[in-house]
């Protein structure tokens, strides 16, 4: 946003928008305090039919990572935090290591395609605690694809909405 403000000679408007987003994020975090435990972990994953791949996402602009980890400040699983947060935007991983990246909660991009992508390995997915405890949230690919300022605000609100609905 600051780069846009600089490029368009609208620095003040950019700073106002950043403050607006910070306020939205702070309000969202406050809503989650009564819903989540402080040590709960949140994995961000995705599947793709084209390459039959399974991906783990960091805190960059992919699949809501910035909204989840930077703005909402949700805690990633230890392995993801150590290896990816602040370092890698995404990583393709083999099915066998998925449990090492799974959190208490899982946000998943293209989650409806798991059966098609995993095939015979789907049993491993179903063995994860987050799956068994119904704490998997399928991300809308249209909303969570982008990383523009408007998408970030909507992603923050949608994540809070998803987490709040399952808790009621």
N, C-alpha and C. Protein backbone atom coordinates (compact mmCIF):
# COMPACT_ATOMS: atom_id res chain seq x y z
N UNK A 1 0.83 -1.18 0.00
CA UNK A 1 0.00 0.00 0.00
C UNK A 1 0.87 1.25 0.00
N UNK A 2 1.95 1.19 0.76
CA UNK A 2 2.86 2.34 0.77
C UNK A 2 3.48 2.58 -0.60
N UNK A 3 3.83 1.50 -1.29
CA UNK A 3 4.39 1.66 -2.64
C UNK A 3 3.37 2.29 -3.58
N UNK A 4 2.13 1.87 -3.46
CA UNK A 4 1.08 2.48 -4.28
C UNK A 4 0.92 3.95 -3.92
N UNK A 5 0.91 4.25 -2.64
CA UNK A 5 0.80 5.64 -2.19
C UNK A 5 1.93 6.50 -2.73
N UNK A 6 3.15 5.94 -2.70
CA UNK A 6 4.30 6.67 -3.25
C UNK A 6 4.15 6.88 -4.75
N UNK A 7 3.80 5.81 -5.46
CA UNK A 7 3.71 5.87 -6.92
C UNK A 7 2.62 6.83 -7.39
N UNK A 8 1.52 6.89 -6.64
CA UNK A 8 0.39 7.72 -7.05
C UNK A 8 0.34 9.07 -6.33
N UNK A 9 1.42 9.33 -5.58
CA UNK A 9 1.49 10.57 -4.79
C UNK A 9 0.28 10.69 -3.85
N UNK A 10 -0.02 9.58 -3.18
CA UNK A 10 -1.15 9.54 -2.25
C UNK A 10 -0.68 8.87 -0.95
N UNK A 11 0.44 9.37 -0.42
CA UNK A 11 1.02 8.77 0.79
C UNK A 11 0.07 8.85 1.98
N UNK A 12 -0.58 9.97 2.15
CA UNK A 12 -1.47 10.14 3.29
C UNK A 12 -2.65 9.16 3.23
N UNK A 13 -3.23 9.00 2.04
CA UNK A 13 -4.33 8.06 1.88
C UNK A 13 -3.87 6.62 2.15
N UNK A 14 -2.66 6.31 1.71
CA UNK A 14 -2.12 4.97 1.96
C UNK A 14 -1.96 4.73 3.46
N UNK A 15 -1.43 5.69 4.16
CA UNK A 15 -1.25 5.54 5.61
C UNK A 15 -2.59 5.42 6.32
N UNK A 16 -3.59 6.16 5.85
CA UNK A 16 -4.92 6.04 6.44
C UNK A 16 -5.49 4.64 6.23
N UNK A 17 -5.25 4.11 5.05
CA UNK A 17 -5.76 2.76 4.78
C UNK A 17 -5.04 1.72 5.63
N UNK A 18 -3.75 1.87 5.81
CA UNK A 18 -2.99 0.94 6.65
C UNK A 18 -3.52 0.99 8.09
N UNK A 19 -3.80 2.18 8.59
CA UNK A 19 -4.37 2.30 9.93
C UNK A 19 -5.74 1.63 10.00
N UNK A 20 -6.52 1.79 8.94
CA UNK A 20 -7.83 1.15 8.86
C UNK A 20 -7.68 -0.38 8.93
N UNK A 21 -6.76 -0.94 8.15
CA UNK A 21 -6.55 -2.39 8.16
C UNK A 21 -6.04 -2.86 9.52
N UNK A 22 -5.15 -2.09 10.13
CA UNK A 22 -4.66 -2.44 11.47
C UNK A 22 -5.81 -2.48 12.47
N UNK A 23 -6.74 -1.54 12.36
CA UNK A 23 -7.90 -1.51 13.26
C UNK A 23 -8.79 -2.73 13.02
N UNK A 24 -9.05 -3.05 11.76
CA UNK A 24 -9.85 -4.24 11.42
C UNK A 24 -9.21 -5.49 12.02
N UNK A 25 -7.88 -5.62 11.87
CA UNK A 25 -7.17 -6.79 12.38
C UNK A 25 -7.23 -6.86 13.90
N UNK A 26 -7.05 -5.72 14.57
CA UNK A 26 -7.11 -5.69 16.03
C UNK A 26 -8.50 -6.10 16.53
N UNK A 27 -9.54 -5.60 15.88
CA UNK A 27 -10.91 -5.97 16.26
C UNK A 27 -11.15 -7.46 16.02
N UNK A 28 -10.61 -7.97 14.93
CA UNK A 28 -10.77 -9.39 14.61
C UNK A 28 -10.05 -10.25 15.65
N UNK A 29 -8.83 -9.87 16.01
CA UNK A 29 -8.09 -10.63 17.03
C UNK A 29 -8.85 -10.63 18.35
N UNK A 30 -9.46 -9.51 18.70
CA UNK A 30 -10.24 -9.42 19.94
C UNK A 30 -11.43 -10.39 19.90
N UNK A 31 -12.05 -10.55 18.74
CA UNK A 31 -13.17 -11.47 18.61
C UNK A 31 -12.72 -12.92 18.81
N UNK A 32 -11.50 -13.23 18.46
CA UNK A 32 -11.01 -14.60 18.53
C UNK A 32 -10.52 -15.01 19.92
N UNK A 33 -10.30 -14.04 20.78
CA UNK A 33 -9.76 -14.33 22.11
C UNK A 33 -10.62 -15.34 22.87
N UNK A 34 -11.92 -15.19 22.79
CA UNK A 34 -12.82 -16.09 23.52
C UNK A 34 -13.08 -17.41 22.79
N UNK A 35 -12.62 -17.49 21.56
CA UNK A 35 -12.89 -18.68 20.74
C UNK A 35 -11.69 -19.62 20.72
N UNK A 36 -10.50 -19.08 20.61
CA UNK A 36 -9.28 -19.88 20.47
C UNK A 36 -8.49 -19.90 21.77
N UNK A 37 -7.77 -20.98 21.96
CA UNK A 37 -6.83 -21.06 23.08
C UNK A 37 -5.51 -20.44 22.61
N UNK A 38 -4.75 -19.82 23.51
CA UNK A 38 -3.50 -19.16 23.10
C UNK A 38 -2.49 -20.08 22.41
N UNK A 39 -2.51 -21.37 22.75
CA UNK A 39 -1.53 -22.30 22.16
C UNK A 39 -2.06 -23.04 20.93
N UNK A 40 -3.28 -22.77 20.51
CA UNK A 40 -3.81 -23.41 19.31
C UNK A 40 -2.96 -23.04 18.10
N UNK A 41 -2.77 -24.03 17.23
CA UNK A 41 -1.98 -23.78 16.01
C UNK A 41 -2.86 -23.92 14.78
N UNK A 42 -2.49 -23.16 13.76
CA UNK A 42 -3.28 -23.05 12.54
C UNK A 42 -2.38 -23.29 11.33
N UNK A 43 -2.62 -24.40 10.66
CA UNK A 43 -1.85 -24.73 9.45
C UNK A 43 -2.56 -24.15 8.23
N UNK A 44 -1.78 -23.78 7.24
CA UNK A 44 -2.32 -23.30 5.97
C UNK A 44 -1.78 -24.20 4.87
N UNK A 45 -2.69 -24.92 4.23
CA UNK A 45 -2.33 -25.95 3.26
C UNK A 45 -3.16 -25.81 1.99
N UNK A 46 -2.74 -26.51 0.94
CA UNK A 46 -3.51 -26.50 -0.30
C UNK A 46 -3.19 -27.71 -1.14
N UNK A 47 -4.15 -28.08 -1.98
CA UNK A 47 -3.97 -29.21 -2.90
C UNK A 47 -4.22 -28.72 -4.33
N UNK A 48 -3.58 -29.39 -5.28
CA UNK A 48 -3.77 -29.06 -6.69
C UNK A 48 -3.90 -30.33 -7.50
N UNK A 49 -4.93 -30.39 -8.31
CA UNK A 49 -5.18 -31.56 -9.14
C UNK A 49 -4.14 -31.67 -10.25
N UNK A 50 -3.76 -30.54 -10.82
CA UNK A 50 -2.87 -30.54 -11.99
C UNK A 50 -1.59 -31.31 -11.73
N UNK A 51 -0.93 -31.02 -10.60
CA UNK A 51 0.33 -31.72 -10.32
C UNK A 51 0.19 -32.75 -9.20
N UNK A 52 -1.05 -33.00 -8.76
CA UNK A 52 -1.32 -33.92 -7.65
C UNK A 52 -0.47 -33.54 -6.43
N UNK A 53 -0.25 -32.23 -6.28
CA UNK A 53 0.62 -31.75 -5.22
C UNK A 53 -0.12 -31.30 -3.98
N UNK A 54 0.60 -31.34 -2.88
CA UNK A 54 0.10 -30.83 -1.60
C UNK A 54 1.08 -29.76 -1.15
N UNK A 55 0.56 -28.61 -0.76
CA UNK A 55 1.40 -27.46 -0.45
C UNK A 55 1.15 -26.95 0.96
N UNK A 56 2.21 -26.42 1.54
CA UNK A 56 2.16 -25.72 2.82
C UNK A 56 2.50 -24.26 2.50
N UNK A 57 1.76 -23.33 3.08
CA UNK A 57 1.98 -21.91 2.80
C UNK A 57 2.52 -21.18 4.03
N UNK A 58 3.33 -20.18 3.76
CA UNK A 58 3.89 -19.35 4.82
C UNK A 58 3.04 -18.11 5.05
N UNK A 59 3.69 -17.06 5.52
CA UNK A 59 2.97 -15.83 5.87
C UNK A 59 3.00 -14.78 4.77
N UNK A 60 3.34 -15.20 3.56
CA UNK A 60 3.37 -14.26 2.44
C UNK A 60 2.00 -14.09 1.83
N UNK A 61 1.98 -13.70 0.59
CA UNK A 61 0.74 -13.37 -0.07
C UNK A 61 -0.06 -14.52 -0.60
N UNK A 62 0.36 -15.74 -0.38
CA UNK A 62 -0.35 -16.88 -0.94
C UNK A 62 -1.45 -17.39 -0.02
N UNK A 63 -2.63 -17.57 -0.59
CA UNK A 63 -3.75 -18.28 0.04
C UNK A 63 -4.14 -17.78 1.42
N UNK A 64 -3.98 -16.51 1.68
CA UNK A 64 -4.40 -15.95 2.96
C UNK A 64 -3.33 -15.97 4.04
N UNK A 65 -2.12 -16.34 3.69
CA UNK A 65 -1.05 -16.42 4.68
C UNK A 65 -0.80 -15.11 5.40
N UNK A 66 -0.82 -14.01 4.68
CA UNK A 66 -0.60 -12.72 5.33
C UNK A 66 -1.72 -12.40 6.31
N UNK A 67 -2.96 -12.63 5.91
CA UNK A 67 -4.10 -12.36 6.79
C UNK A 67 -4.05 -13.25 8.03
N UNK A 68 -3.77 -14.53 7.84
CA UNK A 68 -3.78 -15.50 8.94
C UNK A 68 -2.65 -15.27 9.93
N UNK A 69 -1.44 -15.15 9.41
CA UNK A 69 -0.28 -15.11 10.30
C UNK A 69 0.19 -13.71 10.68
N UNK A 70 0.12 -12.77 9.77
CA UNK A 70 0.59 -11.42 10.09
C UNK A 70 -0.49 -10.57 10.75
N UNK A 71 -1.67 -10.52 10.16
CA UNK A 71 -2.70 -9.63 10.67
C UNK A 71 -3.49 -10.23 11.83
N UNK A 72 -3.91 -11.48 11.69
CA UNK A 72 -4.64 -12.12 12.79
C UNK A 72 -3.70 -12.70 13.84
N UNK A 73 -2.44 -12.85 13.48
CA UNK A 73 -1.40 -13.35 14.38
C UNK A 73 -1.73 -14.74 14.94
N UNK A 74 -2.36 -15.57 14.09
CA UNK A 74 -2.61 -16.94 14.49
C UNK A 74 -1.29 -17.71 14.46
N UNK A 75 -1.16 -18.63 15.36
CA UNK A 75 0.11 -19.35 15.55
C UNK A 75 0.21 -20.54 14.59
N UNK A 76 1.27 -20.59 13.79
CA UNK A 76 1.46 -21.74 12.92
C UNK A 76 2.01 -22.93 13.71
N UNK A 77 1.86 -24.15 13.17
CA UNK A 77 2.50 -25.31 13.79
C UNK A 77 4.02 -25.09 13.86
N UNK A 78 4.67 -25.70 14.82
CA UNK A 78 6.10 -25.46 15.08
C UNK A 78 6.98 -25.65 13.84
N UNK A 79 6.78 -26.73 13.11
CA UNK A 79 7.62 -27.00 11.93
C UNK A 79 7.43 -25.94 10.86
N UNK A 80 6.19 -25.54 10.65
CA UNK A 80 5.90 -24.50 9.66
C UNK A 80 6.51 -23.17 10.11
N UNK A 81 6.38 -22.87 11.37
CA UNK A 81 6.94 -21.61 11.88
C UNK A 81 8.46 -21.58 11.73
N UNK A 82 9.11 -22.67 12.10
CA UNK A 82 10.57 -22.74 12.05
C UNK A 82 11.10 -22.67 10.62
N UNK A 83 10.45 -23.38 9.72
CA UNK A 83 10.99 -23.52 8.37
C UNK A 83 10.46 -22.50 7.37
N UNK A 84 9.26 -21.97 7.60
CA UNK A 84 8.63 -21.20 6.53
C UNK A 84 8.27 -19.76 6.86
N UNK A 85 7.79 -19.50 8.05
CA UNK A 85 7.31 -18.15 8.38
C UNK A 85 8.46 -17.15 8.25
N UNK A 86 8.24 -16.16 7.42
CA UNK A 86 9.26 -15.15 7.17
C UNK A 86 10.35 -15.60 6.22
N UNK A 87 10.26 -16.85 5.73
CA UNK A 87 11.33 -17.39 4.89
C UNK A 87 10.83 -17.88 3.54
N UNK A 88 9.75 -18.66 3.54
CA UNK A 88 9.24 -19.27 2.30
C UNK A 88 7.77 -18.94 2.14
N UNK A 89 7.37 -18.64 0.92
CA UNK A 89 5.97 -18.35 0.65
C UNK A 89 5.15 -19.63 0.57
N UNK A 90 5.73 -20.67 -0.01
CA UNK A 90 5.05 -21.95 -0.12
C UNK A 90 6.07 -23.04 -0.39
N UNK A 91 5.61 -24.29 -0.13
CA UNK A 91 6.48 -25.44 -0.33
C UNK A 91 5.61 -26.65 -0.66
N UNK A 92 6.00 -27.37 -1.69
CA UNK A 92 5.32 -28.62 -1.99
C UNK A 92 5.94 -29.69 -1.11
N UNK A 93 5.07 -30.49 -0.48
CA UNK A 93 5.56 -31.54 0.41
C UNK A 93 4.91 -32.87 0.03
N UNK A 94 5.54 -33.95 0.44
CA UNK A 94 4.97 -35.28 0.19
C UNK A 94 3.91 -35.58 1.25
N UNK A 95 3.02 -36.48 0.92
CA UNK A 95 1.93 -36.83 1.81
C UNK A 95 2.42 -37.30 3.17
N UNK A 96 3.51 -38.03 3.17
CA UNK A 96 3.99 -38.65 4.41
C UNK A 96 4.33 -37.63 5.49
N UNK A 97 4.72 -36.42 5.12
CA UNK A 97 5.13 -35.42 6.12
C UNK A 97 4.01 -34.47 6.53
N UNK A 98 2.83 -34.63 5.96
CA UNK A 98 1.71 -33.74 6.28
C UNK A 98 1.45 -33.67 7.79
N UNK A 99 1.47 -34.79 8.53
CA UNK A 99 1.22 -34.69 9.98
C UNK A 99 2.20 -33.76 10.70
N UNK A 100 3.41 -33.63 10.18
CA UNK A 100 4.40 -32.75 10.81
C UNK A 100 4.02 -31.27 10.67
N UNK A 101 3.22 -30.95 9.67
CA UNK A 101 2.82 -29.56 9.41
C UNK A 101 1.39 -29.27 9.86
N UNK A 102 0.66 -30.30 10.25
CA UNK A 102 -0.74 -30.11 10.62
C UNK A 102 -0.85 -29.40 11.96
N UNK A 103 -1.83 -28.53 12.06
CA UNK A 103 -2.07 -27.81 13.31
C UNK A 103 -3.34 -28.30 13.98
N UNK A 104 -3.68 -27.65 15.08
CA UNK A 104 -4.94 -27.94 15.75
C UNK A 104 -6.11 -27.60 14.83
N UNK A 105 -5.88 -26.61 13.97
CA UNK A 105 -6.84 -26.18 12.96
C UNK A 105 -6.11 -26.17 11.63
N UNK A 106 -6.84 -26.42 10.56
CA UNK A 106 -6.25 -26.39 9.22
C UNK A 106 -7.13 -25.53 8.32
N UNK A 107 -6.49 -24.56 7.67
CA UNK A 107 -7.12 -23.82 6.58
C UNK A 107 -6.60 -24.47 5.31
N UNK A 108 -7.52 -24.84 4.42
CA UNK A 108 -7.07 -25.55 3.21
C UNK A 108 -7.68 -24.94 1.96
N UNK A 109 -6.80 -24.69 1.01
CA UNK A 109 -7.19 -24.18 -0.30
C UNK A 109 -7.50 -25.38 -1.20
N UNK A 110 -8.59 -25.31 -1.92
CA UNK A 110 -9.02 -26.38 -2.83
C UNK A 110 -9.32 -27.67 -2.05
N UNK A 111 -9.82 -27.54 -0.84
CA UNK A 111 -10.09 -28.69 0.02
C UNK A 111 -11.08 -29.69 -0.55
N UNK A 112 -11.96 -29.26 -1.43
CA UNK A 112 -12.91 -30.19 -2.03
C UNK A 112 -12.23 -31.21 -2.94
N UNK A 113 -10.99 -30.97 -3.28
CA UNK A 113 -10.28 -31.85 -4.22
C UNK A 113 -9.40 -32.88 -3.52
N UNK A 114 -9.45 -32.94 -2.20
CA UNK A 114 -8.56 -33.85 -1.48
C UNK A 114 -8.71 -35.30 -1.95
N UNK A 115 -9.91 -35.81 -2.05
CA UNK A 115 -10.10 -37.21 -2.47
C UNK A 115 -9.49 -37.46 -3.84
N UNK A 116 -9.68 -36.51 -4.73
CA UNK A 116 -9.16 -36.67 -6.09
C UNK A 116 -7.63 -36.64 -6.12
N UNK A 117 -7.05 -35.78 -5.32
CA UNK A 117 -5.59 -35.64 -5.31
C UNK A 117 -4.92 -36.74 -4.50
N UNK A 118 -5.48 -37.06 -3.35
CA UNK A 118 -4.84 -38.01 -2.45
C UNK A 118 -5.06 -39.46 -2.85
N UNK A 119 -6.19 -39.76 -3.43
CA UNK A 119 -6.45 -41.14 -3.82
C UNK A 119 -6.32 -42.09 -2.64
N UNK A 120 -5.46 -43.10 -2.78
CA UNK A 120 -5.29 -44.12 -1.74
C UNK A 120 -4.68 -43.57 -0.46
N UNK A 121 -4.03 -42.41 -0.53
CA UNK A 121 -3.39 -41.82 0.65
C UNK A 121 -4.36 -41.00 1.49
N UNK A 122 -5.64 -40.96 1.11
CA UNK A 122 -6.60 -40.12 1.83
C UNK A 122 -6.73 -40.53 3.30
N UNK A 123 -6.46 -41.77 3.63
CA UNK A 123 -6.53 -42.22 5.02
C UNK A 123 -5.61 -41.42 5.92
N UNK A 124 -4.45 -41.02 5.42
CA UNK A 124 -3.52 -40.21 6.21
C UNK A 124 -4.17 -38.87 6.55
N UNK A 125 -4.83 -38.26 5.57
CA UNK A 125 -5.52 -36.98 5.80
C UNK A 125 -6.58 -37.16 6.88
N UNK A 126 -7.35 -38.22 6.77
CA UNK A 126 -8.45 -38.46 7.71
C UNK A 126 -7.94 -38.79 9.12
N UNK A 127 -6.68 -39.14 9.26
CA UNK A 127 -6.12 -39.46 10.57
C UNK A 127 -5.66 -38.23 11.35
N UNK A 128 -5.61 -37.08 10.70
CA UNK A 128 -5.14 -35.86 11.37
C UNK A 128 -6.16 -35.40 12.42
N UNK A 129 -5.67 -34.95 13.56
CA UNK A 129 -6.56 -34.51 14.64
C UNK A 129 -7.51 -33.40 14.19
N UNK A 130 -7.02 -32.44 13.43
CA UNK A 130 -7.89 -31.34 12.98
C UNK A 130 -9.03 -31.87 12.12
N UNK A 131 -8.76 -32.89 11.32
CA UNK A 131 -9.80 -33.47 10.47
C UNK A 131 -10.79 -34.24 11.34
N UNK A 132 -10.28 -35.06 12.25
CA UNK A 132 -11.15 -35.86 13.11
C UNK A 132 -12.02 -34.97 14.02
N UNK A 133 -11.50 -33.80 14.39
CA UNK A 133 -12.22 -32.90 15.30
C UNK A 133 -13.01 -31.81 14.57
N UNK A 134 -13.17 -31.97 13.26
CA UNK A 134 -13.94 -31.01 12.45
C UNK A 134 -13.41 -29.58 12.58
N UNK A 135 -12.09 -29.45 12.50
CA UNK A 135 -11.48 -28.13 12.57
C UNK A 135 -10.69 -27.83 11.30
N UNK A 136 -11.31 -28.18 10.17
CA UNK A 136 -10.74 -27.90 8.86
C UNK A 136 -11.64 -26.88 8.19
N UNK A 137 -11.03 -25.83 7.67
CA UNK A 137 -11.76 -24.73 7.04
C UNK A 137 -11.34 -24.63 5.59
N UNK A 138 -12.31 -24.85 4.71
CA UNK A 138 -12.03 -24.77 3.28
C UNK A 138 -12.10 -23.32 2.83
N UNK A 139 -11.01 -22.86 2.26
CA UNK A 139 -10.92 -21.47 1.82
C UNK A 139 -11.52 -21.30 0.43
N UNK A 140 -12.26 -20.24 0.26
CA UNK A 140 -12.83 -19.89 -1.04
C UNK A 140 -11.67 -19.43 -1.93
N UNK A 141 -11.36 -20.17 -3.00
CA UNK A 141 -10.21 -19.81 -3.83
C UNK A 141 -10.33 -18.43 -4.47
N UNK A 142 -11.55 -17.99 -4.74
CA UNK A 142 -11.70 -16.65 -5.32
C UNK A 142 -11.31 -15.57 -4.32
N UNK A 143 -11.69 -15.74 -3.07
CA UNK A 143 -11.37 -14.74 -2.05
C UNK A 143 -9.92 -14.84 -1.60
N UNK A 144 -9.41 -16.06 -1.44
CA UNK A 144 -8.09 -16.23 -0.84
C UNK A 144 -6.96 -16.31 -1.86
N UNK A 145 -7.26 -16.12 -3.12
CA UNK A 145 -6.21 -16.12 -4.14
C UNK A 145 -5.42 -14.82 -4.10
N UNK A 146 -6.11 -13.72 -3.97
CA UNK A 146 -5.47 -12.40 -4.04
C UNK A 146 -4.78 -11.99 -2.77
N UNK A 147 -3.98 -10.96 -2.89
CA UNK A 147 -3.27 -10.39 -1.75
C UNK A 147 -3.29 -8.88 -1.82
N UNK A 148 -4.31 -8.35 -2.45
CA UNK A 148 -4.45 -6.90 -2.54
C UNK A 148 -5.08 -6.38 -1.25
N UNK A 149 -5.06 -5.08 -1.03
CA UNK A 149 -5.60 -4.53 0.23
C UNK A 149 -7.05 -4.89 0.50
N UNK A 150 -7.89 -4.88 -0.51
CA UNK A 150 -9.30 -5.20 -0.30
C UNK A 150 -9.45 -6.69 0.06
N UNK A 151 -8.72 -7.55 -0.64
CA UNK A 151 -8.77 -8.99 -0.33
C UNK A 151 -8.31 -9.26 1.09
N UNK A 152 -7.25 -8.59 1.54
CA UNK A 152 -6.76 -8.81 2.91
C UNK A 152 -7.83 -8.51 3.94
N UNK A 153 -8.50 -7.40 3.77
CA UNK A 153 -9.56 -7.03 4.72
C UNK A 153 -10.67 -8.08 4.71
N UNK A 154 -11.09 -8.50 3.54
CA UNK A 154 -12.15 -9.50 3.43
C UNK A 154 -11.70 -10.86 3.97
N UNK A 155 -10.44 -11.21 3.74
CA UNK A 155 -9.91 -12.48 4.26
C UNK A 155 -9.92 -12.49 5.79
N UNK A 156 -9.49 -11.40 6.38
CA UNK A 156 -9.49 -11.30 7.85
C UNK A 156 -10.90 -11.52 8.39
N UNK A 157 -11.85 -10.84 7.80
CA UNK A 157 -13.24 -10.95 8.26
C UNK A 157 -13.79 -12.36 8.04
N UNK A 158 -13.45 -12.96 6.91
CA UNK A 158 -13.96 -14.30 6.60
C UNK A 158 -13.36 -15.35 7.55
N UNK A 159 -12.10 -15.22 7.89
CA UNK A 159 -11.47 -16.18 8.80
C UNK A 159 -12.15 -16.11 10.16
N UNK A 160 -12.38 -14.90 10.65
CA UNK A 160 -13.06 -14.75 11.94
C UNK A 160 -14.47 -15.33 11.85
N UNK A 161 -15.15 -15.08 10.75
CA UNK A 161 -16.49 -15.62 10.55
C UNK A 161 -16.47 -17.15 10.56
N UNK A 162 -15.54 -17.76 9.85
CA UNK A 162 -15.46 -19.22 9.79
C UNK A 162 -15.21 -19.81 11.18
N UNK A 163 -14.23 -19.25 11.89
CA UNK A 163 -13.89 -19.76 13.22
C UNK A 163 -15.03 -19.55 14.20
N UNK A 164 -15.71 -18.43 14.10
CA UNK A 164 -16.83 -18.12 15.01
C UNK A 164 -18.01 -19.04 14.77
N UNK A 165 -18.32 -19.32 13.51
CA UNK A 165 -19.48 -20.17 13.19
C UNK A 165 -19.33 -21.59 13.72
N UNK A 166 -18.15 -22.14 13.62
CA UNK A 166 -17.99 -23.53 14.09
C UNK A 166 -18.01 -23.62 15.61
N UNK A 167 -17.70 -22.51 16.27
CA UNK A 167 -17.67 -22.53 17.74
C UNK A 167 -19.06 -22.39 18.32
N UNK A 168 -20.03 -21.90 17.54
CA UNK A 168 -21.37 -21.69 18.09
C UNK A 168 -22.20 -22.94 18.06
